[in-house]
C-alpha atoms as a PDB file:
ATOM      1  CA  MET A   1     -51.728   0.837  13.807  1.00  0.00           C
ATOM      2  CA  SER A   2     -50.640   3.829  12.231  1.00  0.00           C
ATOM      3  CA  GLY A   3     -49.498   5.792  15.373  1.00  0.00           C
ATOM      4  CA  MET A   4     -47.679   2.536  16.213  1.00  0.00           C
ATOM      5  CA  ALA A   5     -46.022   2.827  12.941  1.00  0.00           C
ATOM      6  CA  ASP A   6     -45.082   6.704  13.124  1.00  0.00           C
ATOM      7  CA  ALA A   7     -43.721   5.913  16.680  1.00  0.00           C
ATOM      8  CA  ALA A   8     -41.193   2.810  15.768  1.00  0.00           C
ATOM      9  CA  PRO A   9     -39.452   5.053  13.232  1.00  0.00           C
ATOM     10  CA  ARG A  10     -38.995   8.319  15.808  1.00  0.00           C
ATOM     11  CA  GLY A  11     -37.717   5.736  18.579  1.00  0.00           C
ATOM     12  CA  ALA A  12     -35.275   4.028  16.388  1.00  0.00           C
ATOM     13  CA  PRO A  13     -32.778   7.076  16.332  1.00  0.00           C
ATOM     14  CA  ARG A  14     -33.317   7.610  20.042  1.00  0.00           C
ATOM     15  CA  SER A  15     -32.614   4.043  20.937  1.00  0.00           C
ATOM     16  CA  MET A  16     -29.612   3.902  18.376  1.00  0.00           C
ATOM     17  CA  ALA A  17     -28.197   7.233  20.346  1.00  0.00           C
ATOM     18  CA  ALA A  18     -28.958   5.183  23.530  1.00  0.00           C
ATOM     19  CA  ARG A  19     -26.866   2.197  22.295  1.00  0.00           C
ATOM     20  CA  MET A  20     -23.837   4.508  21.257  1.00  0.00           C
ATOM     21  CA  ALA A  21     -23.842   5.969  24.533  1.00  0.00           C
ATOM     22  CA  ARG A  22     -23.888   2.606  26.408  1.00  0.00           C
ATOM     23  CA  ARG A  23     -20.944   1.540  24.116  1.00  0.00           C
ATOM     24  CA  PHE A  24     -19.103   4.600  25.011  1.00  0.00           C
ATOM     25  CA  LEU A  25     -19.826   4.476  28.740  1.00  0.00           C
ATOM     26  CA  GLU A  26     -18.591   0.686  28.817  1.00  0.00           C
ATOM     27  CA  HIS A  27     -15.414   1.676  27.377  1.00  0.00           C
ATOM     28  CA  ARG A  28     -13.556   2.109  30.529  1.00  0.00           C
ATOM     29  CA  LEU A  29     -10.303   3.765  29.022  1.00  0.00           C
ATOM     30  CA  ALA A  30     -12.286   6.308  26.691  1.00  0.00           C
ATOM     31  CA  LEU A  31     -14.615   7.416  29.500  1.00  0.00           C
ATOM     32  CA  ALA A  32     -11.654   8.054  32.102  1.00  0.00           C
ATOM     33  CA  SER A  33      -9.612   9.597  29.387  1.00  0.00           C
ATOM     34  CA  LEU A  34     -12.588  12.176  28.642  1.00  0.00           C
ATOM     35  CA  GLY A  35     -12.571  12.811  32.412  1.00  0.00           C
ATOM     36  CA  ILE A  36      -8.852  13.337  32.226  1.00  0.00           C
ATOM     37  CA  LEU A  37      -9.401  15.851  29.326  1.00  0.00           C
ATOM     38  CA  VAL A  38     -11.947  17.639  30.945  1.00  0.00           C
ATOM     39  CA  LEU A  39     -10.119  18.168  34.046  1.00  0.00           C
ATOM     40  CA  LEU A  40      -7.123  19.573  32.500  1.00  0.00           C
ATOM     41  CA  GLY A  41      -9.287  21.822  30.214  1.00  0.00           C
ATOM     42  CA  LEU A  42     -10.837  23.347  33.239  1.00  0.00           C
ATOM     43  CA  ALA A  43      -7.360  23.603  34.962  1.00  0.00           C
ATOM     44  CA  ALA A  44      -6.282  25.276  32.186  1.00  0.00           C
ATOM     45  CA  LEU A  45      -9.233  27.590  31.840  1.00  0.00           C
ATOM     46  CA  ALA A  46      -8.583  28.065  35.692  1.00  0.00           C
ATOM     47  CA  ALA A  47      -5.024  29.419  35.035  1.00  0.00           C
ATOM     48  CA  PRO A  48      -5.511  33.242  35.962  1.00  0.00           C
ATOM     49  CA  LEU A  49      -7.619  32.389  38.943  1.00  0.00           C
ATOM     50  CA  VAL A  50      -4.698  29.768  39.973  1.00  0.00           C
ATOM     51  CA  GLU A  51      -2.404  32.522  39.567  1.00  0.00           C
ATOM     52  CA  LEU A  52      -4.469  35.241  41.319  1.00  0.00           C
ATOM     53  CA  ALA A  53      -5.188  32.763  44.390  1.00  0.00           C
ATOM     54  CA  LEU A  54      -1.167  31.782  44.543  1.00  0.00           C
ATOM     55  CA  GLY A  55      -0.287  35.642  44.330  1.00  0.00           C
ATOM     56  CA  VAL A  56       2.102  34.864  41.701  1.00  0.00           C
ATOM     57  CA  ASP A  57       2.480  36.112  38.213  1.00  0.00           C
ATOM     58  CA  ALA A  58       3.495  33.872  35.540  1.00  0.00           C
ATOM     59  CA  GLU A  59       5.918  35.978  33.346  1.00  0.00           C
ATOM     60  CA  THR A  60       7.347  38.011  36.088  1.00  0.00           C
ATOM     61  CA  ALA A  61      11.260  36.436  36.309  1.00  0.00           C
ATOM     62  CA  ASN A  62      12.790  36.431  39.914  1.00  0.00           C
ATOM     63  CA  LEU A  63      16.503  35.358  39.895  1.00  0.00           C
ATOM     64  CA  PHE A  64      16.619  35.300  43.459  1.00  0.00           C
ATOM     65  CA  ASN A  65      14.242  32.320  43.684  1.00  0.00           C
ATOM     66  CA  ARG A  66      15.530  29.999  40.721  1.00  0.00           C
ATOM     67  CA  PHE A  67      14.900  26.564  40.980  1.00  0.00           C
ATOM     68  CA  ALA A  68      12.897  26.522  44.272  1.00  0.00           C
ATOM     69  CA  PRO A  69      11.575  23.409  45.623  1.00  0.00           C
ATOM     70  CA  PRO A  70       7.685  22.816  45.848  1.00  0.00           C
ATOM     71  CA  SER A  71       6.280  25.169  48.815  1.00  0.00           C
ATOM     72  CA  ALA A  72       3.094  26.400  49.782  1.00  0.00           C
ATOM     73  CA  GLU A  73       3.875  29.359  47.571  1.00  0.00           C
ATOM     74  CA  HIS A  74       5.072  27.230  44.720  1.00  0.00           C
ATOM     75  CA  LEU A  75       3.283  24.178  44.508  1.00  0.00           C
ATOM     76  CA  LEU A  76       5.739  22.645  41.933  1.00  0.00           C
ATOM     77  CA  GLY A  77       8.682  24.723  42.699  1.00  0.00           C
ATOM     78  CA  THR A  78       9.854  27.718  40.543  1.00  0.00           C
ATOM     79  CA  ASP A  79      11.719  27.225  36.848  1.00  0.00           C
ATOM     80  CA  GLU A  80      15.133  28.757  35.689  1.00  0.00           C
ATOM     81  CA  LEU A  81      13.719  32.423  35.734  1.00  0.00           C
ATOM     82  CA  GLY A  82      11.858  31.918  39.048  1.00  0.00           C
ATOM     83  CA  ARG A  83       8.573  31.578  37.681  1.00  0.00           C
ATOM     84  CA  ASP A  84       6.085  29.608  39.214  1.00  0.00           C
ATOM     85  CA  LEU A  85       5.779  26.185  37.403  1.00  0.00           C
ATOM     86  CA  LEU A  86       2.563  25.388  37.846  1.00  0.00           C
ATOM     87  CA  VAL A  87       0.922  28.330  36.660  1.00  0.00           C
ATOM     88  CA  ARG A  88       3.250  28.073  33.395  1.00  0.00           C
ATOM     89  CA  LEU A  89       2.123  24.564  33.085  1.00  0.00           C
ATOM     90  CA  LEU A  90      -1.389  25.946  33.365  1.00  0.00           C
ATOM     91  CA  HIS A  91      -0.810  28.751  30.825  1.00  0.00           C
ATOM     92  CA  GLY A  92       0.827  25.998  28.772  1.00  0.00           C
ATOM     93  CA  GLY A  93      -1.934  24.011  28.615  1.00  0.00           C
ATOM     94  CA  ARG A  94      -4.368  26.797  27.395  1.00  0.00           C
ATOM     95  CA  VAL A  95      -1.852  27.577  24.350  1.00  0.00           C
ATOM     96  CA  SER A  96      -1.150  23.749  23.688  1.00  0.00           C
ATOM     97  CA  LEU A  97      -4.852  22.701  23.704  1.00  0.00           C
ATOM     98  CA  ALA A  98      -6.235  25.710  21.888  1.00  0.00           C
ATOM     99  CA  VAL A  99      -3.919  24.972  18.934  1.00  0.00           C
ATOM    100  CA  GLY A 100      -4.572  21.250  19.026  1.00  0.00           C
ATOM    101  CA  LEU A 101      -8.577  21.988  19.135  1.00  0.00           C
ATOM    102  CA  SER A 102      -8.599  24.912  16.873  1.00  0.00           C
ATOM    103  CA  ALA A 103      -6.208  23.134  14.125  1.00  0.00           C
ATOM    104  CA  ALA A 104      -8.136  19.886  14.255  1.00  0.00           C
ATOM    105  CA  VAL A 105     -11.395  21.671  13.886  1.00  0.00           C
ATOM    106  CA  PHE A 106     -10.437  23.499  11.055  1.00  0.00           C
ATOM    107  CA  ALA A 107      -8.714  21.006   9.273  1.00  0.00           C
ATOM    108  CA  ALA A 108     -12.007  18.915   9.817  1.00  0.00           C
ATOM    109  CA  LEU A 109     -14.127  21.667   7.997  1.00  0.00           C
ATOM    110  CA  ILE A 110     -11.315  21.671   5.104  1.00  0.00           C
ATOM    111  CA  GLY A 111     -11.529  17.894   4.816  1.00  0.00           C
ATOM    112  CA  THR A 112     -15.007  17.835   5.045  1.00  0.00           C
ATOM    113  CA  ALA A 113     -16.056  20.023   2.409  1.00  0.00           C
ATOM    114  CA  ILE A 114     -13.592  18.618   0.064  1.00  0.00           C
ATOM    115  CA  GLY A 115     -14.563  14.899   0.974  1.00  0.00           C
ATOM    116  CA  ILE A 116     -18.371  15.865   0.250  1.00  0.00           C
ATOM    117  CA  LEU A 117     -17.914  17.532  -2.967  1.00  0.00           C
ATOM    118  CA  ALA A 118     -15.488  15.032  -4.256  1.00  0.00           C
ATOM    119  CA  GLY A 119     -17.848  12.105  -3.026  1.00  0.00           C
ATOM    120  CA  TYR A 120     -21.250  13.677  -4.239  1.00  0.00           C
ATOM    121  CA  PHE A 121     -20.212  14.929  -7.543  1.00  0.00           C
ATOM    122  CA  GLY A 122     -17.842  12.427  -8.518  1.00  0.00           C
ATOM    123  CA  GLY A 123     -16.102  12.467 -11.923  1.00  0.00           C
ATOM    124  CA  ARG A 124     -13.568  14.909 -12.990  1.00  0.00           C
ATOM    125  CA  LEU A 125     -14.088  16.830  -9.780  1.00  0.00           C
ATOM    126  CA  ASP A 126     -13.610  13.491  -7.605  1.00  0.00           C
ATOM    127  CA  ALA A 127     -10.287  12.371  -9.660  1.00  0.00           C
ATOM    128  CA  PHE A 128      -8.631  16.203  -9.462  1.00  0.00           C
ATOM    129  CA  LEU A 129      -9.775  16.442  -5.479  1.00  0.00           C
ATOM    130  CA  MET A 130      -8.357  12.868  -4.681  1.00  0.00           C
ATOM    131  CA  ARG A 131      -5.169  13.408  -6.630  1.00  0.00           C
ATOM    132  CA  PHE A 132      -4.808  16.713  -5.093  1.00  0.00           C
ATOM    133  CA  THR A 133      -5.314  14.854  -1.471  1.00  0.00           C
ATOM    134  CA  ASP A 134      -2.853  11.877  -2.690  1.00  0.00           C
ATOM    135  CA  GLY A 135      -0.184  14.880  -3.423  1.00  0.00           C
ATOM    136  CA  VAL A 136      -0.489  16.504  -0.006  1.00  0.00           C
ATOM    137  CA  ILE A 137      -0.229  12.895   1.777  1.00  0.00           C
ATOM    138  CA  SER A 138       2.562  12.385  -0.014  1.00  0.00           C
ATOM    139  CA  LEU A 139       4.681  15.412   1.391  1.00  0.00           C
ATOM    140  CA  PRO A 140       6.896  15.022   4.534  1.00  0.00           C
ATOM    141  CA  LEU A 141       4.458  16.764   7.072  1.00  0.00           C
ATOM    142  CA  LEU A 142       7.060  17.451   9.560  1.00  0.00           C
ATOM    143  CA  PRO A 143       9.823  18.624   7.619  1.00  0.00           C
ATOM    144  CA  LEU A 144       7.296  20.770   5.663  1.00  0.00           C
ATOM    145  CA  LEU A 145       6.059  22.290   8.964  1.00  0.00           C
ATOM    146  CA  ILE A 146       9.219  23.437   9.955  1.00  0.00           C
ATOM    147  CA  VAL A 147       9.906  25.073   6.826  1.00  0.00           C
ATOM    148  CA  LEU A 148       6.606  26.986   6.779  1.00  0.00           C
ATOM    149  CA  ALA A 149       7.291  27.949  10.390  1.00  0.00           C
ATOM    150  CA  ALA A 150      10.670  29.344   9.943  1.00  0.00           C
ATOM    151  CA  ILE A 151       9.588  31.627   6.888  1.00  0.00           C
ATOM    152  CA  ASP A 152       9.966  35.543   7.680  1.00  0.00           C
ATOM    153  CA  LEU A 153       6.229  36.987   7.941  1.00  0.00           C
ATOM    154  CA  GLU A 154       7.478  40.330   7.346  1.00  0.00           C
ATOM    155  CA  LYS A 155       8.650  39.176   4.081  1.00  0.00           C
ATOM    156  CA  LEU A 156       5.278  37.878   2.822  1.00  0.00           C
ATOM    157  CA  GLY A 157       3.826  41.450   3.667  1.00  0.00           C
ATOM    158  CA  LEU A 158       2.626  41.410   7.046  1.00  0.00           C
ATOM    159  CA  PRO A 159       2.867  44.315   8.795  1.00  0.00           C
ATOM    160  CA  PRO A 160       5.801  44.421  11.310  1.00  0.00           C
ATOM    161  CA  ALA A 161       3.600  44.989  14.244  1.00  0.00           C
ATOM    162  CA  LEU A 162       1.555  41.994  13.584  1.00  0.00           C
ATOM    163  CA  ALA A 163       4.765  39.890  12.290  1.00  0.00           C
ATOM    164  CA  ARG A 164       6.946  40.174  15.437  1.00  0.00           C
ATOM    165  CA  SER A 165       3.188  40.253  18.025  1.00  0.00           C
ATOM    166  CA  GLU A 166       3.201  37.452  20.602  1.00  0.00           C
ATOM    167  CA  ASP A 167       0.279  35.756  19.171  1.00  0.00           C
ATOM    168  CA  VAL A 168       1.334  35.482  16.009  1.00  0.00           C
ATOM    169  CA  SER A 169       3.260  32.320  16.426  1.00  0.00           C
ATOM    170  CA  LEU A 170       0.325  30.629  17.813  1.00  0.00           C
ATOM    171  CA  TYR A 171      -2.007  31.619  15.094  1.00  0.00           C
ATOM    172  CA  ARG A 172       0.767  30.793  12.392  1.00  0.00           C
ATOM    173  CA  ILE A 173       0.652  26.941  14.035  1.00  0.00           C
ATOM    174  CA  ILE A 174      -2.838  26.862  13.246  1.00  0.00           C
ATOM    175  CA  VAL A 175      -2.886  28.012  10.322  1.00  0.00           C
ATOM    176  CA  ILE A 176      -0.184  25.575   8.784  1.00  0.00           C
ATOM    177  CA  VAL A 177      -1.536  22.577  10.438  1.00  0.00           C
ATOM    178  CA  SER A 178      -4.999  23.261   9.128  1.00  0.00           C
ATOM    179  CA  LEU A 179      -3.849  23.745   5.821  1.00  0.00           C
ATOM    180  CA  PHE A 180      -2.025  20.348   5.693  1.00  0.00           C
ATOM    181  CA  GLY A 181      -3.881  18.183   8.094  1.00  0.00           C
ATOM    182  CA  TRP A 182      -6.947  17.606   6.807  1.00  0.00           C
ATOM    183  CA  THR A 183      -6.647  14.715   4.430  1.00  0.00           C
ATOM    184  CA  THR A 184      -7.603  11.726   6.884  1.00  0.00           C
ATOM    185  CA  VAL A 185     -10.882  13.495   7.109  1.00  0.00           C
ATOM    186  CA  ALA A 186     -11.059  14.064   3.604  1.00  0.00           C
ATOM    187  CA  ARG A 187     -10.828  10.305   2.719  1.00  0.00           C
ATOM    188  CA  LEU A 188     -13.436   9.063   5.232  1.00  0.00           C
ATOM    189  CA  VAL A 189     -15.917  12.015   4.537  1.00  0.00           C
ATOM    190  CA  ARG A 190     -15.866  11.165   0.725  1.00  0.00           C
ATOM    191  CA  ALA A 191     -16.253   7.210   1.042  1.00  0.00           C
ATOM    192  CA  GLU A 192     -18.884   8.157   3.627  1.00  0.00           C
ATOM    193  CA  THR A 193     -20.483  10.239   1.258  1.00  0.00           C
ATOM    194  CA  LEU A 194     -20.476   7.569  -1.523  1.00  0.00           C
ATOM    195  CA  VAL A 195     -22.156   5.333   0.349  1.00  0.00           C
ATOM    196  CA  ILE A 196     -24.957   7.630   1.453  1.00  0.00           C
ATOM    197  CA  ARG A 197     -25.375   8.968  -2.096  1.00  0.00           C
ATOM    198  CA  ALA A 198     -26.793   5.663  -3.275  1.00  0.00           C
ATOM    199  CA  ARG A 199     -29.258   5.231  -0.300  1.00  0.00           C
ATOM    200  CA  GLU A 200     -32.920   5.399  -0.851  1.00  0.00           C
ATOM    201  CA  PHE A 201     -33.767   8.998   0.766  1.00  0.00           C
ATOM    202  CA  VAL A 202     -30.856  10.617  -1.188  1.00  0.00           C
ATOM    203  CA  LYS A 203     -32.551   9.216  -4.227  1.00  0.00           C
ATOM    204  CA  ALA A 204     -36.249  10.510  -2.870  1.00  0.00           C
ATOM    205  CA  ALA A 205     -34.764  14.153  -2.612  1.00  0.00           C
ATOM    206  CA  VAL A 206     -33.027  14.244  -5.826  1.00  0.00           C
ATOM    207  CA  ALA A 207     -36.480  13.213  -7.336  1.00  0.00           C
ATOM    208  CA  MET A 208     -38.387  15.878  -5.260  1.00  0.00           C
ATOM    209  CA  GLY A 209     -36.039  18.363  -6.790  1.00  0.00           C
ATOM    210  CA  ALA A 210     -33.866  19.277  -3.980  1.00  0.00           C
ATOM    211  CA  SER A 211     -30.728  21.052  -4.763  1.00  0.00           C
ATOM    212  CA  PRO A 212     -27.372  19.281  -4.372  1.00  0.00           C
ATOM    213  CA  TRP A 213     -26.106  21.523  -1.915  1.00  0.00           C
ATOM    214  CA  ARG A 214     -29.287  20.938   0.463  1.00  0.00           C
ATOM    215  CA  ILE A 215     -28.624  17.196  -0.406  1.00  0.00           C
ATOM    216  CA  MET A 216     -25.111  17.468   0.725  1.00  0.00           C
ATOM    217  CA  LEU A 217     -25.710  19.795   3.844  1.00  0.00           C
ATOM    218  CA  ILE A 218     -29.234  18.204   5.289  1.00  0.00           C
ATOM    219  CA  HIS A 219     -28.942  14.759   3.922  1.00  0.00           C
ATOM    220  CA  ILE A 220     -25.622  13.530   3.952  1.00  0.00           C
ATOM    221  CA  LEU A 221     -23.466  15.879   6.612  1.00  0.00           C
ATOM    222  CA  PRO A 222     -25.416  14.712   9.263  1.00  0.00           C
ATOM    223  CA  ASN A 223     -25.154  11.002   8.396  1.00  0.00           C
ATOM    224  CA  ALA A 224     -21.345  11.136   7.941  1.00  0.00           C
ATOM    225  CA  ILE A 225     -20.728  13.062  11.108  1.00  0.00           C
ATOM    226  CA  SER A 226     -19.147   9.938  12.867  1.00  0.00           C
ATOM    227  CA  PRO A 227     -16.036   9.680  10.997  1.00  0.00           C
ATOM    228  CA  ILE A 228     -15.940  13.384  10.982  1.00  0.00           C
ATOM    229  CA  ILE A 229     -15.778  13.463  14.794  1.00  0.00           C
ATOM    230  CA  VAL A 230     -13.598  10.205  15.159  1.00  0.00           C
ATOM    231  CA  ALA A 231     -10.946  11.754  12.962  1.00  0.00           C
ATOM    232  CA  THR A 232     -10.894  14.774  14.404  1.00  0.00           C
ATOM    233  CA  THR A 233     -10.467  13.844  18.146  1.00  0.00           C
ATOM    234  CA  LEU A 234      -7.583  11.302  16.935  1.00  0.00           C
ATOM    235  CA  SER A 235      -5.880  14.046  15.272  1.00  0.00           C
ATOM    236  CA  VAL A 236      -5.899  16.591  18.120  1.00  0.00           C
ATOM    237  CA  GLY A 237      -2.927  14.524  20.093  1.00  0.00           C
ATOM    238  CA  ASN A 238      -0.915  14.268  17.145  1.00  0.00           C
ATOM    239  CA  ILE A 239      -1.190  18.416  16.473  1.00  0.00           C
ATOM    240  CA  ILE A 240      -0.239  18.787  20.257  1.00  0.00           C
ATOM    241  CA  LEU A 241       2.745  16.821  19.173  1.00  0.00           C
ATOM    242  CA  PHE A 242       3.746  18.636  16.136  1.00  0.00           C
ATOM    243  CA  GLU A 243       3.266  22.079  18.185  1.00  0.00           C
ATOM    244  CA  SER A 244       5.418  20.605  20.939  1.00  0.00           C
ATOM    245  CA  VAL A 245       8.135  19.720  18.514  1.00  0.00           C
ATOM    246  CA  LEU A 246       7.823  22.936  16.683  1.00  0.00           C
ATOM    247  CA  SER A 247       8.174  24.913  19.932  1.00  0.00           C
ATOM    248  CA  PHE A 248      10.972  22.619  21.149  1.00  0.00           C
ATOM    249  CA  LEU A 249      12.923  23.267  17.783  1.00  0.00           C
ATOM    250  CA  GLY A 250      12.333  27.263  18.297  1.00  0.00           C
ATOM    251  CA  LEU A 251       9.699  27.549  15.618  1.00  0.00           C
ATOM    252  CA  GLY A 252       6.400  27.210  17.153  1.00  0.00           C
ATOM    253  CA  ILE A 253       5.091  29.422  20.155  1.00  0.00           C
ATOM    254  CA  GLN A 254       7.582  31.980  20.983  1.00  0.00           C
ATOM    255  CA  PRO A 255       8.127  33.142  24.619  1.00  0.00           C
ATOM    256  CA  PRO A 256       6.682  34.944  26.959  1.00  0.00           C
ATOM    257  CA  VAL A 257       4.050  32.795  25.364  1.00  0.00           C
ATOM    258  CA  ALA A 258       4.056  29.446  27.558  1.00  0.00           C
ATOM    259  CA  SER A 259       3.372  26.159  25.897  1.00  0.00           C
ATOM    260  CA  TRP A 260       4.522  22.715  26.954  1.00  0.00           C
ATOM    261  CA  GLY A 261       6.643  22.613  24.008  1.00  0.00           C
ATOM    262  CA  ASN A 262       8.648  25.776  24.405  1.00  0.00           C
ATOM    263  CA  MET A 263       8.866  24.646  28.348  1.00  0.00           C
ATOM    264  CA  LEU A 264      10.853  21.747  27.095  1.00  0.00           C
ATOM    265  CA  THR A 265      13.222  23.850  25.133  1.00  0.00           C
ATOM    266  CA  ASN A 266      13.989  26.025  28.375  1.00  0.00           C
ATOM    267  CA  ALA A 267      14.248  22.795  30.323  1.00  0.00           C
ATOM    268  CA  GLN A 268      16.671  20.941  28.106  1.00  0.00           C
ATOM    269  CA  GLU A 269      19.820  23.074  29.465  1.00  0.00           C
ATOM    270  CA  THR A 270      19.098  22.265  33.060  1.00  0.00           C
ATOM    271  CA  ILE A 271      18.052  18.467  32.554  1.00  0.00           C
ATOM    272  CA  TRP A 272      20.585  17.420  35.176  1.00  0.00           C
ATOM    273  CA  SER A 273      20.385  20.018  37.374  1.00  0.00           C
ATOM    274  CA  ALA A 274      16.484  20.511  37.591  1.00  0.00           C
ATOM    275  CA  PRO A 275      14.890  17.389  35.814  1.00  0.00           C
ATOM    276  CA  MET A 276      11.196  18.187  36.829  1.00  0.00           C
ATOM    277  CA  LEU A 277      11.570  21.226  34.786  1.00  0.00           C
ATOM    278  CA  ALA A 278      11.230  18.868  32.098  1.00  0.00           C
ATOM    279  CA  VAL A 279       9.459  16.087  33.707  1.00  0.00           C
ATOM    280  CA  TRP A 280       6.306  18.052  34.141  1.00  0.00           C
ATOM    281  CA  PRO A 281       5.605  19.450  30.736  1.00  0.00           C
ATOM    282  CA  GLY A 282       6.508  16.312  29.138  1.00  0.00           C
ATOM    283  CA  PHE A 283       4.098  14.370  31.326  1.00  0.00           C
ATOM    284  CA  MET A 284       1.103  16.743  30.293  1.00  0.00           C
ATOM    285  CA  ILE A 285       1.956  16.243  26.515  1.00  0.00           C
ATOM    286  CA  PHE A 286       2.223  12.377  27.149  1.00  0.00           C
ATOM    287  CA  VAL A 287      -1.247  12.437  29.229  1.00  0.00           C
ATOM    288  CA  THR A 288      -2.866  14.771  26.923  1.00  0.00           C
ATOM    289  CA  VAL A 289      -1.901  12.629  23.770  1.00  0.00           C
ATOM    290  CA  ILE A 290      -2.598   9.021  25.033  1.00  0.00           C
ATOM    291  CA  ALA A 291      -6.005  10.340  26.478  1.00  0.00           C
ATOM    292  CA  PHE A 292      -7.185  11.727  23.021  1.00  0.00           C
ATOM    293  CA  ASN A 293      -5.945   8.711  21.385  1.00  0.00           C
ATOM    294  CA  PHE A 294      -7.915   6.557  24.041  1.00  0.00           C
ATOM    295  CA  LEU A 295     -11.133   8.779  23.169  1.00  0.00           C
ATOM    296  CA  GLY A 296     -10.922   8.692  19.774  1.00  0.00           C
ATOM    297  CA  ASP A 297     -10.731   4.774  20.171  1.00  0.00           C
ATOM    298  CA  GLY A 298     -13.862   4.769  22.208  1.00  0.00           C
ATOM    299  CA  LEU A 299     -15.692   7.250  19.906  1.00  0.00           C
ATOM    300  CA  GLN A 300     -14.851   4.769  17.006  1.00  0.00           C
ATOM    301  CA  ASP A 301     -16.306   1.555  18.675  1.00  0.00           C
ATOM    302  CA  ALA A 302     -19.163   3.643  20.230  1.00  0.00           C
ATOM    303  CA  LEU A 303     -20.141   5.293  16.484  1.00  0.00           C
ATOM    304  CA  ASP A 304     -19.733   2.170  14.717  1.00  0.00           C
ATOM    305  CA  PRO A 305     -23.385   1.849  12.715  1.00  0.00           C
ATOM    306  CA  ARG A 306     -22.425  -1.735  12.325  1.00  0.00           C
ATOM    307  CA  ALA A 307     -21.701  -2.498  16.115  1.00  0.00           C
ATOM    308  CA  VAL A 308     -24.606  -0.506  17.282  1.00  0.00           C
ATOM    309  CA  GLU A 309     -27.388  -2.627  14.839  1.00  0.00           C
END
């Protein structure tokens, strides 16, 4: 009898995980979105291999081959500087996806830390952190990002070589979005922490003398992971949109580094003579953002504990 009693609790998590996986697999849009995102990620990672296979260079201009139509050498044609459009799209995908995923993860880490601290300790710390969160939420995010992205880094004390490097614009976008994009995760984690803190296994850990940090890391965080995953997934699409807008305005990823946003910027002057230069990066942004949103919806349905009980 005792063996049967022990087997049930051990099987329960596996059963719940199986039901979560089944619910996700039944969400056709989310499953298709996951497949699309995997293909996009693999294609972006394979950009150097595609570049080598086609025998082209993503950054080498050829003014004698501007606006070339699709061919065996240039599958999507060339851009306004004679560069291969397909390879530029793949390299731009590497940058846009890296910015979206990195900023979403860093923002989730910040929001998780603030949410757990506020929910577990409560009192004045909770009041201070939540009022601070409300203050960040009240800020107009896009105008704020535009202002921060336009700041001259040399005037902030950064070495000129670093401030003018090609990759500094990428890192700046990740830092800016991470510092102001954590509020949703913080509120969700705080709410989940308040619920978990009142459960019996947490009270038992407190009675056994476990430290607050151990309780938050071992008992609360694993049980609050579902809203973190969902919120992070949903935020990736928004971050990619923010990066695209900033790059389109000339304040984001700076050439010669390619991103879908600055590819749109370069194409705006040739929108009537060569519309595909704008259609392809715009289409990639659209598909990626929609796919992340559908994936987030599917994860939200699959990880909802009320739906799997």
